[in-house]
Amino acid sequence: MKLFALIISLSFFSQFSLVGTYEVILEGKKCQEDDYQQLNCSYKVGKDLHIEIAGIGQEDTGIAFLKSNFNGDYYGKFGLLHGCVIVNNGNSFSDFAFISPKNGKVYKSWENCKNQK
């Protein structure tokens, strides 16, 4: 009977994706160079977060939170200590990732984002 319950449980949970915030950001990341060879990236994360970073790596890099909902599936904020965008999963306090405006890359820790590792 316990084996049957285990099989049913595994079958039920295998239908759900175990993808974290880091992977979701990478799926929604789109970057392109403009006519001035300036790199601009758009990050569409879930249905509730849309971030644009213009002029990645430049002195005047701009970060725009076009859509962010604290009560939604994902929301964004900015960390002054490390200089990175923080993307939080609205359904989990421990599932978050970081985007560097210096290179446009996504990181799993603020330390790696700050140091670009």
C-alpha atoms as a PDB file:
ATOM      1  CA  MET A   1       0.000   0.000   0.000  1.00  0.00           C
ATOM      2  CA  LYS A   2       2.860   2.398   0.823  1.00  0.00           C
ATOM      3  CA  LEU A   3       4.490   1.646  -2.517  1.00  0.00           C
ATOM      4  CA  PHE A   4       1.243   2.438  -4.321  1.00  0.00           C
ATOM      5  CA  ALA A   5       0.966   5.787  -2.484  1.00  0.00           C
ATOM      6  CA  LEU A   6       4.584   6.595  -3.376  1.00  0.00           C
ATOM      7  CA  ILE A   7       3.998   5.848  -7.066  1.00  0.00           C
ATOM      8  CA  ILE A   8       0.879   8.009  -7.112  1.00  0.00           C
ATOM      9  CA  SER A   9       2.748  10.851  -5.355  1.00  0.00           C
ATOM     10  CA  LEU A  10       5.677  10.690  -7.782  1.00  0.00           C
ATOM     11  CA  SER A  11       3.326  10.617 -10.730  1.00  0.00           C
ATOM     12  CA  PHE A  12       1.473  13.674  -9.428  1.00  0.00           C
ATOM     13  CA  PHE A  13       4.588  15.741  -8.699  1.00  0.00           C
ATOM     14  CA  SER A  14       6.381  14.801 -11.922  1.00  0.00           C
ATOM     15  CA  GLN A  15       3.755  16.789 -13.802  1.00  0.00           C
ATOM     16  CA  PHE A  16       5.104  20.011 -12.283  1.00  0.00           C
ATOM     17  CA  SER A  17       8.292  21.650 -13.444  1.00  0.00           C
ATOM     18  CA  LEU A  18      11.101  22.071 -10.934  1.00  0.00           C
ATOM     19  CA  VAL A  19      12.463  25.098 -12.799  1.00  0.00           C
ATOM     20  CA  GLY A  20      13.761  27.891 -10.573  1.00  0.00           C
ATOM     21  CA  THR A  21      13.904  31.656 -10.971  1.00  0.00           C
ATOM     22  CA  TYR A  22      17.389  31.505 -12.532  1.00  0.00           C
ATOM     23  CA  GLU A  23      16.166  29.255 -15.354  1.00  0.00           C
ATOM     24  CA  VAL A  24      12.971  31.260 -15.895  1.00  0.00           C
ATOM     25  CA  ILE A  25      14.998  34.464 -16.317  1.00  0.00           C
ATOM     26  CA  LEU A  26      17.274  32.796 -18.874  1.00  0.00           C
ATOM     27  CA  GLU A  27      14.223  31.587 -20.831  1.00  0.00           C
ATOM     28  CA  GLY A  28      12.814  35.123 -21.021  1.00  0.00           C
ATOM     29  CA  LYS A  29      16.084  36.942 -21.768  1.00  0.00           C
ATOM     30  CA  LYS A  30      16.451  38.620 -25.159  1.00  0.00           C
ATOM     31  CA  CYS A  31      19.453  40.818 -26.042  1.00  0.00           C
ATOM     32  CA  GLN A  32      20.416  42.756 -29.145  1.00  0.00           C
ATOM     33  CA  GLU A  33      22.815  45.451 -30.246  1.00  0.00           C
ATOM     34  CA  ASP A  34      21.420  48.706 -31.568  1.00  0.00           C
ATOM     35  CA  ASP A  35      22.820  50.779 -34.452  1.00  0.00           C
ATOM     36  CA  TYR A  36      25.462  52.245 -32.110  1.00  0.00           C
ATOM     37  CA  GLN A  37      26.668  48.783 -31.015  1.00  0.00           C
ATOM     38  CA  GLN A  38      25.103  49.315 -27.610  1.00  0.00           C
ATOM     39  CA  LEU A  39      23.808  46.121 -25.965  1.00  0.00           C
ATOM     40  CA  ASN A  40      20.216  46.218 -24.725  1.00  0.00           C
ATOM     41  CA  CYS A  41      18.429  43.342 -22.984  1.00  0.00           C
ATOM     42  CA  SER A  42      14.834  42.583 -22.159  1.00  0.00           C
ATOM     43  CA  TYR A  43      13.890  40.127 -19.409  1.00  0.00           C
ATOM     44  CA  LYS A  44      10.321  38.817 -19.381  1.00  0.00           C
ATOM     45  CA  VAL A  45       9.974  36.667 -16.293  1.00  0.00           C
ATOM     46  CA  GLY A  46       6.708  34.839 -15.749  1.00  0.00           C
ATOM     47  CA  LYS A  47       3.630  36.925 -16.376  1.00  0.00           C
ATOM     48  CA  ASP A  48       4.256  39.682 -13.829  1.00  0.00           C
ATOM     49  CA  LEU A  49       7.814  40.923 -14.405  1.00  0.00           C
ATOM     50  CA  HIS A  50       9.327  42.752 -17.375  1.00  0.00           C
ATOM     51  CA  ILE A  51      12.703  44.499 -17.054  1.00  0.00           C
ATOM     52  CA  GLU A  52      14.675  46.375 -19.711  1.00  0.00           C
ATOM     53  CA  ILE A  53      18.374  47.205 -19.365  1.00  0.00           C
ATOM     54  CA  ALA A  54      19.739  49.645 -21.941  1.00  0.00           C
ATOM     55  CA  GLY A  55      23.416  50.257 -22.580  1.00  0.00           C
ATOM     56  CA  ILE A  56      24.726  47.252 -20.704  1.00  0.00           C
ATOM     57  CA  GLY A  57      28.244  47.878 -19.439  1.00  0.00           C
ATOM     58  CA  GLN A  58      28.111  51.616 -20.136  1.00  0.00           C
ATOM     59  CA  GLU A  59      28.543  54.457 -17.616  1.00  0.00           C
ATOM     60  CA  ASP A  60      24.959  55.528 -18.245  1.00  0.00           C
ATOM     61  CA  THR A  61      23.260  52.105 -18.214  1.00  0.00           C
ATOM     62  CA  GLY A  62      19.519  52.435 -17.669  1.00  0.00           C
ATOM     63  CA  ILE A  63      17.290  49.947 -15.866  1.00  0.00           C
ATOM     64  CA  ALA A  64      13.521  50.115 -16.374  1.00  0.00           C
ATOM     65  CA  PHE A  65      11.016  48.027 -14.456  1.00  0.00           C
ATOM     66  CA  LEU A  66       8.251  48.014 -17.067  1.00  0.00           C
ATOM     67  CA  LYS A  67       6.146  45.601 -15.056  1.00  0.00           C
ATOM     68  CA  SER A  68       6.665  44.301 -11.524  1.00  0.00           C
ATOM     69  CA  ASN A  69       4.009  43.007  -9.150  1.00  0.00           C
ATOM     70  CA  PHE A  70       4.961  42.223  -5.554  1.00  0.00           C
ATOM     71  CA  ASN A  71       1.886  39.976  -5.297  1.00  0.00           C
ATOM     72  CA  GLY A  72       2.544  38.324  -8.673  1.00  0.00           C
ATOM     73  CA  ASP A  73       4.550  35.296  -9.749  1.00  0.00           C
ATOM     74  CA  TYR A  74       7.803  37.325  -9.961  1.00  0.00           C
ATOM     75  CA  TYR A  75       8.868  40.820  -8.929  1.00  0.00           C
ATOM     76  CA  GLY A  76      12.051  42.853  -9.179  1.00  0.00           C
ATOM     77  CA  LYS A  77      14.099  45.233  -7.067  1.00  0.00           C
ATOM     78  CA  PHE A  78      17.612  46.677  -7.095  1.00  0.00           C
ATOM     79  CA  GLY A  79      20.462  45.997  -4.624  1.00  0.00           C
ATOM     80  CA  LEU A  80      22.772  48.930  -3.950  1.00  0.00           C
ATOM     81  CA  LEU A  81      25.426  46.799  -2.214  1.00  0.00           C
ATOM     82  CA  HIS A  82      26.098  44.611  -5.248  1.00  0.00           C
ATOM     83  CA  GLY A  83      24.649  46.791  -8.018  1.00  0.00           C
ATOM     84  CA  CYS A  84      22.445  44.048  -9.442  1.00  0.00           C
ATOM     85  CA  VAL A  85      18.763  43.622 -10.187  1.00  0.00           C
ATOM     86  CA  ILE A  86      17.197  41.109  -7.813  1.00  0.00           C
ATOM     87  CA  VAL A  87      14.433  38.899  -9.194  1.00  0.00           C
ATOM     88  CA  ASN A  88      12.244  37.277  -6.555  1.00  0.00           C
ATOM     89  CA  ASN A  89       9.817  34.429  -6.977  1.00  0.00           C
ATOM     90  CA  GLY A  90       6.533  35.723  -5.544  1.00  0.00           C
ATOM     91  CA  ASN A  91       5.685  32.265  -4.245  1.00  0.00           C
ATOM     92  CA  SER A  92       8.990  31.519  -2.489  1.00  0.00           C
ATOM     93  CA  PHE A  93      11.223  33.491  -0.156  1.00  0.00           C
ATOM     94  CA  SER A  94      14.266  31.384  -1.025  1.00  0.00           C
ATOM     95  CA  ASP A  95      14.052  31.293  -4.841  1.00  0.00           C
ATOM     96  CA  PHE A  96      15.678  34.354  -6.407  1.00  0.00           C
ATOM     97  CA  ALA A  97      18.365  35.309  -8.922  1.00  0.00           C
ATOM     98  CA  PHE A  98      20.368  38.369  -9.951  1.00  0.00           C
ATOM     99  CA  ILE A  99      20.917  40.261 -13.211  1.00  0.00           C
ATOM    100  CA  SER A 100      24.067  42.317 -13.753  1.00  0.00           C
ATOM    101  CA  PRO A 101      23.692  45.640 -15.595  1.00  0.00           C
ATOM    102  CA  LYS A 102      27.455  45.457 -16.201  1.00  0.00           C
ATOM    103  CA  ASN A 103      27.263  42.452 -18.545  1.00  0.00           C
ATOM    104  CA  GLY A 104      23.585  41.415 -18.779  1.00  0.00           C
ATOM    105  CA  LYS A 105      24.257  37.965 -17.337  1.00  0.00           C
ATOM    106  CA  VAL A 106      22.098  36.144 -14.808  1.00  0.00           C
ATOM    107  CA  TYR A 107      23.573  34.816 -11.566  1.00  0.00           C
ATOM    108  CA  LYS A 108      22.408  32.599  -8.714  1.00  0.00           C
ATOM    109  CA  SER A 109      24.137  34.636  -5.980  1.00  0.00           C
ATOM    110  CA  TRP A 110      24.652  38.338  -5.343  1.00  0.00           C
ATOM    111  CA  GLU A 111      28.353  37.733  -4.703  1.00  0.00           C
ATOM    112  CA  ASN A 112      28.859  36.247  -8.162  1.00  0.00           C
ATOM    113  CA  CYS A 113      26.768  39.010  -9.718  1.00  0.00           C
ATOM    114  CA  LYS A 114      28.819  41.705  -7.990  1.00  0.00           C
ATOM    115  CA  ASN A 115      32.111  40.073  -9.017  1.00  0.00           C
ATOM    116  CA  GLN A 116      30.828  38.938 -12.437  1.00  0.00           C
ATOM    117  CA  LYS A 117      31.843  35.318 -11.851  1.00  0.00           C
END
